[in-house]
C-alpha atoms as a PDB file:
ATOM      1  CA  MET A   1     -61.324 -49.514  66.830  1.00  0.00           C
ATOM      2  CA  ALA A   2     -64.246 -48.854  64.983  1.00  0.00           C
ATOM      3  CA  ALA A   3     -62.670 -45.873  63.541  1.00  0.00           C
ATOM      4  CA  PRO A   4     -59.427 -46.653  61.932  1.00  0.00           C
ATOM      5  CA  MET A   5     -61.995 -49.462  60.389  1.00  0.00           C
ATOM      6  CA  ALA A   6     -64.151 -47.059  59.094  1.00  0.00           C
ATOM      7  CA  LEU A   7     -61.485 -45.339  57.663  1.00  0.00           C
ATOM      8  CA  CYS A   8     -59.661 -48.437  55.861  1.00  0.00           C
ATOM      9  CA  ARG A   9     -63.538 -49.492  54.699  1.00  0.00           C
ATOM     10  CA  GLN A  10     -63.499 -46.009  53.108  1.00  0.00           C
ATOM     11  CA  LEU A  11     -60.261 -45.911  51.309  1.00  0.00           C
ATOM     12  CA  LEU A  12     -61.382 -49.920  50.414  1.00  0.00           C
ATOM     13  CA  SER A  13     -63.978 -48.753  49.038  1.00  0.00           C
ATOM     14  CA  LEU A  14     -62.752 -45.221  47.220  1.00  0.00           C
ATOM     15  CA  ALA A  15     -60.066 -47.561  45.580  1.00  0.00           C
ATOM     16  CA  ARG A  16     -62.609 -50.055  44.052  1.00  0.00           C
ATOM     17  CA  VAL A  17     -64.675 -46.855  42.498  1.00  0.00           C
ATOM     18  CA  ARG A  18     -61.915 -45.356  41.257  1.00  0.00           C
ATOM     19  CA  ASN A  19     -59.298 -47.516  39.753  1.00  0.00           C
ATOM     20  CA  GLY A  20     -61.307 -50.452  39.209  1.00  0.00           C
ATOM     21  CA  ASN A  21     -58.030 -52.237  40.473  1.00  0.00           C
ATOM     22  CA  PRO A  22     -58.564 -55.018  43.356  1.00  0.00           C
ATOM     23  CA  HIS A  23     -54.868 -55.500  43.999  1.00  0.00           C
ATOM     24  CA  LEU A  24     -54.710 -51.392  44.860  1.00  0.00           C
ATOM     25  CA  ALA A  25     -57.737 -52.474  47.143  1.00  0.00           C
ATOM     26  CA  SER A  26     -55.879 -55.506  48.775  1.00  0.00           C
ATOM     27  CA  ARG A  27     -52.358 -52.996  49.184  1.00  0.00           C
ATOM     28  CA  ALA A  28     -54.986 -50.191  51.101  1.00  0.00           C
ATOM     29  CA  LEU A  29     -56.089 -52.345  53.227  1.00  0.00           C
ATOM     30  CA  ASP A  30     -52.740 -54.180  54.375  1.00  0.00           C
ATOM     31  CA  ALA A  31     -51.489 -50.971  55.086  1.00  0.00           C
ATOM     32  CA  CYS A  32     -54.801 -49.734  56.938  1.00  0.00           C
ATOM     33  CA  VAL A  33     -53.685 -52.564  59.007  1.00  0.00           C
ATOM     34  CA  GLY A  34     -50.452 -52.611  59.351  1.00  0.00           C
ATOM     35  CA  HIS A  35     -50.698 -48.688  60.484  1.00  0.00           C
ATOM     36  CA  TYR A  36     -53.454 -49.653  63.051  1.00  0.00           C
ATOM     37  CA  LYS A  37     -51.451 -53.042  64.004  1.00  0.00           C
ATOM     38  CA  PHE A  38     -48.337 -50.015  65.287  1.00  0.00           C
ATOM     39  CA  ASN A  39     -50.393 -47.696  66.691  1.00  0.00           C
ATOM     40  CA  ALA A  40     -51.905 -50.232  69.230  1.00  0.00           C
ATOM     41  CA  ILE A  41     -48.006 -50.739  69.607  1.00  0.00           C
ATOM     42  CA  ARG A  42     -46.987 -47.014  70.461  1.00  0.00           C
ATOM     43  CA  SER A  43     -50.077 -46.910  72.328  1.00  0.00           C
ATOM     44  CA  ARG A  44     -49.127 -49.804  75.153  1.00  0.00           C
ATOM     45  CA  LEU A  45     -45.339 -48.450  75.597  1.00  0.00           C
ATOM     46  CA  PRO A  46     -45.053 -45.453  78.446  1.00  0.00           C
ATOM     47  CA  LEU A  47     -44.031 -41.998  77.152  1.00  0.00           C
ATOM     48  CA  SER A  48     -40.688 -42.349  78.353  1.00  0.00           C
ATOM     49  CA  SER A  49     -39.450 -45.175  76.739  1.00  0.00           C
ATOM     50  CA  SER A  50     -37.100 -45.440  73.886  1.00  0.00           C
ATOM     51  CA  LEU A  51     -35.770 -48.465  73.026  1.00  0.00           C
ATOM     52  CA  HIS A  52     -32.454 -47.120  71.155  1.00  0.00           C
ATOM     53  CA  THR A  53     -31.766 -44.780  73.838  1.00  0.00           C
ATOM     54  CA  THR A  54     -31.658 -47.424  77.026  1.00  0.00           C
ATOM     55  CA  ALA A  55     -29.591 -49.934  74.310  1.00  0.00           C
ATOM     56  CA  VAL A  56     -27.304 -47.229  74.386  1.00  0.00           C
ATOM     57  CA  LEU A  57     -26.720 -46.062  77.874  1.00  0.00           C
ATOM     58  CA  ALA A  58     -27.195 -49.366  79.109  1.00  0.00           C
ATOM     59  CA  SER A  59     -23.999 -50.403  76.747  1.00  0.00           C
ATOM     60  CA  THR A  60     -21.508 -47.646  77.480  1.00  0.00           C
ATOM     61  CA  THR A  61     -19.972 -47.359  81.224  1.00  0.00           C
ATOM     62  CA  SER A  62     -18.088 -44.237  82.896  1.00  0.00           C
ATOM     63  CA  PRO A  63     -14.391 -43.958  82.361  1.00  0.00           C
ATOM     64  CA  ILE A  64     -14.097 -41.891  85.113  1.00  0.00           C
ATOM     65  CA  THR A  65     -12.724 -43.256  87.709  1.00  0.00           C
ATOM     66  CA  VAL A  66     -12.197 -41.605  91.222  1.00  0.00           C
ATOM     67  CA  THR A  67      -9.021 -42.982  93.642  1.00  0.00           C
ATOM     68  CA  GLU A  68      -7.651 -41.675  96.792  1.00  0.00           C
ATOM     69  CA  GLU A  69      -4.297 -42.338  95.851  1.00  0.00           C
ATOM     70  CA  PRO A  70      -2.419 -38.789  95.568  1.00  0.00           C
ATOM     71  CA  ASP A  71      -1.075 -37.613  91.927  1.00  0.00           C
ATOM     72  CA  THR A  72       2.447 -38.154  91.180  1.00  0.00           C
ATOM     73  CA  LEU A  73       4.040 -34.683  90.939  1.00  0.00           C
ATOM     74  CA  PHE A  74       6.861 -33.893  88.265  1.00  0.00           C
ATOM     75  CA  GLN A  75       9.623 -31.226  88.760  1.00  0.00           C
ATOM     76  CA  LYS A  76      10.903 -31.660  85.294  1.00  0.00           C
ATOM     77  CA  VAL A  77       9.753 -33.542  81.756  1.00  0.00           C
ATOM     78  CA  SER A  78      12.049 -32.875  78.821  1.00  0.00           C
ATOM     79  CA  VAL A  79      11.012 -34.134  75.642  1.00  0.00           C
ATOM     80  CA  LEU A  80      14.094 -34.823  73.132  1.00  0.00           C
ATOM     81  CA  VAL A  81      12.826 -35.232  69.410  1.00  0.00           C
ATOM     82  CA  LYS A  82      15.821 -36.147  66.971  1.00  0.00           C
ATOM     83  CA  CYS A  83      14.861 -36.476  63.198  1.00  0.00           C
ATOM     84  CA  SER A  84      16.959 -35.630  60.102  1.00  0.00           C
ATOM     85  CA  ASP A  85      14.813 -33.189  58.249  1.00  0.00           C
ATOM     86  CA  HIS A  86      14.406 -29.961  60.530  1.00  0.00           C
ATOM     87  CA  ALA A  87      11.983 -28.440  58.893  1.00  0.00           C
ATOM     88  CA  VAL A  88      10.036 -31.599  60.479  1.00  0.00           C
ATOM     89  CA  LEU A  89      11.539 -30.604  63.709  1.00  0.00           C
ATOM     90  CA  ASP A  90      10.495 -26.876  63.349  1.00  0.00           C
ATOM     91  CA  SER A  91       6.800 -27.592  62.697  1.00  0.00           C
ATOM     92  CA  TYR A  92       6.524 -30.049  65.668  1.00  0.00           C
ATOM     93  CA  GLU A  93       8.372 -27.982  67.524  1.00  0.00           C
ATOM     94  CA  PHE A  94       5.806 -24.912  66.903  1.00  0.00           C
ATOM     95  CA  PHE A  95       3.056 -28.058  67.247  1.00  0.00           C
ATOM     96  CA  ALA A  96       4.084 -29.521  70.407  1.00  0.00           C
ATOM     97  CA  THR A  97       4.689 -26.020  72.061  1.00  0.00           C
ATOM     98  CA  MET A  98       1.340 -24.984  70.991  1.00  0.00           C
ATOM     99  CA  ALA A  99      -0.710 -27.620  72.047  1.00  0.00           C
ATOM    100  CA  ALA A 100       1.060 -27.370  75.947  1.00  0.00           C
ATOM    101  CA  LYS A 101       0.194 -23.346  76.042  1.00  0.00           C
ATOM    102  CA  GLU A 102      -3.035 -24.949  75.634  1.00  0.00           C
ATOM    103  CA  LEU A 103      -3.534 -27.316  77.952  1.00  0.00           C
ATOM    104  CA  GLY A 104      -1.650 -24.530  80.604  1.00  0.00           C
ATOM    105  CA  ILE A 105       1.654 -26.299  81.227  1.00  0.00           C
ATOM    106  CA  THR A 106       4.508 -24.344  81.989  1.00  0.00           C
ATOM    107  CA  ILE A 107       7.400 -24.563  79.033  1.00  0.00           C
ATOM    108  CA  SER A 108      10.855 -23.844  81.272  1.00  0.00           C
ATOM    109  CA  LYS A 109      13.286 -24.244  77.814  1.00  0.00           C
ATOM    110  CA  VAL A 110      12.798 -24.535  74.130  1.00  0.00           C
ATOM    111  CA  PHE A 111      16.806 -25.328  72.614  1.00  0.00           C
ATOM    112  CA  LYS A 112      18.432 -26.859  69.364  1.00  0.00           C
ATOM    113  CA  PRO A 113      21.111 -29.273  70.784  1.00  0.00           C
ATOM    114  CA  PRO A 114      24.260 -29.676  68.443  1.00  0.00           C
ATOM    115  CA  ARG A 115      23.792 -31.676  65.168  1.00  0.00           C
ATOM    116  CA  ASP A 116      25.099 -34.915  64.879  1.00  0.00           C
ATOM    117  CA  THR A 117      26.778 -35.933  61.798  1.00  0.00           C
ATOM    118  CA  GLU A 118      28.356 -39.338  60.651  1.00  0.00           C
ATOM    119  CA  ARG A 119      30.126 -39.437  57.601  1.00  0.00           C
ATOM    120  CA  PHE A 120      30.809 -42.834  55.485  1.00  0.00           C
ATOM    121  CA  SER A 121      33.255 -43.214  52.535  1.00  0.00           C
ATOM    122  CA  LEU A 122      33.005 -45.514  49.927  1.00  0.00           C
ATOM    123  CA  LEU A 123      35.720 -46.338  46.865  1.00  0.00           C
ATOM    124  CA  LYS A 124      33.791 -47.301  43.706  1.00  0.00           C
ATOM    125  CA  SER A 125      37.203 -48.091  42.320  1.00  0.00           C
ATOM    126  CA  VAL A 126      38.169 -51.781  44.401  1.00  0.00           C
ATOM    127  CA  HIS A 127      42.521 -50.824  44.505  1.00  0.00           C
ATOM    128  CA  ILE A 128      43.300 -47.676  43.001  1.00  0.00           C
ATOM    129  CA  PHE A 129      41.500 -44.808  41.409  1.00  0.00           C
ATOM    130  CA  ARG A 130      41.091 -42.091  44.727  1.00  0.00           C
ATOM    131  CA  LYS A 131      38.823 -39.612  42.657  1.00  0.00           C
ATOM    132  CA  HIS A 132      36.161 -42.292  42.753  1.00  0.00           C
ATOM    133  CA  LEU A 133      35.879 -41.751  46.928  1.00  0.00           C
ATOM    134  CA  VAL A 134      32.973 -40.828  47.697  1.00  0.00           C
ATOM    135  CA  GLN A 135      31.448 -39.801  50.982  1.00  0.00           C
ATOM    136  CA  TYR A 136      27.881 -39.480  52.290  1.00  0.00           C
ATOM    137  CA  GLU A 137      26.836 -38.423  55.705  1.00  0.00           C
ATOM    138  CA  ILE A 138      23.747 -38.357  58.115  1.00  0.00           C
ATOM    139  CA  ARG A 139      22.610 -35.564  59.740  1.00  0.00           C
ATOM    140  CA  THR A 140      20.583 -35.821  63.118  1.00  0.00           C
ATOM    141  CA  HIS A 141      19.233 -33.003  64.064  1.00  0.00           C
ATOM    142  CA  TYR A 142      18.179 -32.321  67.747  1.00  0.00           C
ATOM    143  CA  ARG A 143      15.038 -30.537  69.426  1.00  0.00           C
ATOM    144  CA  CYS A 144      14.578 -30.210  73.068  1.00  0.00           C
ATOM    145  CA  ILE A 145      11.385 -29.016  75.157  1.00  0.00           C
ATOM    146  CA  GLU A 146      11.332 -29.156  79.022  1.00  0.00           C
ATOM    147  CA  LEU A 147       8.025 -28.600  80.995  1.00  0.00           C
ATOM    148  CA  SER A 148       8.066 -27.304  84.679  1.00  0.00           C
ATOM    149  CA  HIS A 149       5.546 -28.378  87.610  1.00  0.00           C
ATOM    150  CA  LEU A 150       3.243 -30.869  86.094  1.00  0.00           C
ATOM    151  CA  THR A 151       1.033 -33.471  87.512  1.00  0.00           C
ATOM    152  CA  GLY A 152       0.814 -36.443  86.480  1.00  0.00           C
ATOM    153  CA  SER A 153      -2.529 -36.609  84.943  1.00  0.00           C
ATOM    154  CA  THR A 154      -1.303 -33.828  82.551  1.00  0.00           C
ATOM    155  CA  THR A 155       1.367 -35.576  81.512  1.00  0.00           C
ATOM    156  CA  ARG A 156      -0.112 -38.602  80.207  1.00  0.00           C
ATOM    157  CA  VAL A 157      -2.357 -36.600  78.428  1.00  0.00           C
ATOM    158  CA  PHE A 158      -0.155 -34.112  76.698  1.00  0.00           C
ATOM    159  CA  LEU A 159       2.886 -37.560  76.274  1.00  0.00           C
ATOM    160  CA  GLU A 160      -0.334 -39.305  74.690  1.00  0.00           C
ATOM    161  CA  TYR A 161      -0.994 -36.066  72.077  1.00  0.00           C
ATOM    162  CA  ILE A 162       2.208 -35.380  70.953  1.00  0.00           C
ATOM    163  CA  GLN A 163       3.055 -39.120  70.742  1.00  0.00           C
ATOM    164  CA  ARG A 164      -0.173 -39.844  68.820  1.00  0.00           C
ATOM    165  CA  ASN A 165       0.782 -36.610  66.024  1.00  0.00           C
ATOM    166  CA  LEU A 166       4.786 -37.697  66.266  1.00  0.00           C
ATOM    167  CA  PRO A 167       5.800 -37.369  61.769  1.00  0.00           C
ATOM    168  CA  GLU A 168       6.918 -40.547  59.889  1.00  0.00           C
ATOM    169  CA  GLY A 169      10.831 -40.579  60.802  1.00  0.00           C
ATOM    170  CA  VAL A 170      11.003 -38.593  63.829  1.00  0.00           C
ATOM    171  CA  ALA A 171      11.704 -40.467  66.850  1.00  0.00           C
ATOM    172  CA  MET A 172      11.236 -39.059  70.734  1.00  0.00           C
ATOM    173  CA  GLU A 173      12.891 -39.646  73.780  1.00  0.00           C
ATOM    174  CA  VAL A 174      10.985 -38.307  77.382  1.00  0.00           C
ATOM    175  CA  THR A 175      12.809 -37.883  80.464  1.00  0.00           C
ATOM    176  CA  LYS A 176      10.417 -37.690  83.821  1.00  0.00           C
ATOM    177  CA  ILE A 177      11.866 -36.171  87.010  1.00  0.00           C
ATOM    178  CA  ALA A 178       9.392 -36.868  90.277  1.00  0.00           C
ATOM    179  CA  MET A 179       8.744 -35.284  93.550  1.00  0.00           C
ATOM    180  CA  GLU A 180       8.698 -37.531  96.423  1.00  0.00           C
ATOM    181  CA  LYS A 181       7.967 -37.475  99.740  1.00  0.00           C
ATOM    182  CA  ILE A 182      10.191 -37.125 102.442  1.00  0.00           C
ATOM    183  CA  PRO A 183      11.008 -40.645 104.194  1.00  0.00           C
ATOM    184  CA  ASP A 184      10.583 -40.888 107.840  1.00  0.00           C
ATOM    185  CA  HIS A 185      13.410 -41.635 108.985  1.00  0.00           C
ATOM    186  CA  ILE A 186      14.886 -38.700 108.009  1.00  0.00           C
ATOM    187  CA  LEU A 187      11.844 -36.046 108.840  1.00  0.00           C
ATOM    188  CA  GLU A 188      13.957 -36.129 112.302  1.00  0.00           C
ATOM    189  CA  PRO A 189      17.469 -35.959 113.302  1.00  0.00           C
ATOM    190  CA  MET A 190      18.835 -39.596 114.885  1.00  0.00           C
ATOM    191  CA  TRP A 191      20.099 -37.840 117.593  1.00  0.00           C
ATOM    192  CA  LYS A 192      17.190 -37.018 119.088  1.00  0.00           C
ATOM    193  CA  ASP A 193      16.593 -39.977 120.491  1.00  0.00           C
ATOM    194  CA  GLN A 194      19.809 -39.923 122.367  1.00  0.00           C
ATOM    195  CA  PRO A 195      20.125 -38.492 125.223  1.00  0.00           C
ATOM    196  CA  THR A 196      22.619 -35.698 125.652  1.00  0.00           C
ATOM    197  CA  ASP A 197      24.160 -34.534 128.315  1.00  0.00           C
ATOM    198  CA  ASP A 198      27.292 -32.631 128.390  1.00  0.00           C
ATOM    199  CA  LYS A 199      27.295 -31.117 132.331  1.00  0.00           C
ATOM    200  CA  SER A 200      27.014 -34.958 132.468  1.00  0.00           C
ATOM    201  CA  SER A 201      29.711 -35.028 130.191  1.00  0.00           C
ATOM    202  CA  GLN A 202      31.802 -33.051 132.282  1.00  0.00           C
END
């Protein structure tokens, strides 16, 4: 404690001699005292403690949960997207297939279903003049991506990723075909419990 106070006194005397300004001397003394208080507080803390790090670690919880339930298996997952612009669908098809390849998902088939066309006729004139008849049509293009042999966790991750990046004006329809365990009453034939004696019947 004596060394920091001696240093503060030397700084105070130097400030008075050099500038002759008492305000500067008092500021230097306050800075020295504040520095000494900070060093005293830091020396009392343990070396491994960090207030900021401990606060962050205490507030965060692990999002991973381990369960003993078996994961769902899907034999096929079909993703059907539709839009009025085929260029947008081509770009989105490339994005979805690239994401599936990065996740190691087996892509069984990618195809274009036939488009739908709806036509509306509008007669601008009230009663006559067929030459003023105007026709409007709405074209809906489709793309279908079929994925095979997926787990439930992989399916959730993939679908959430491509749905978050779905462009505006594009609708998506997902069809899942799950694989289930055969019930116990079907595993064994029903006639096993019944006696079958051909000799007694004869």
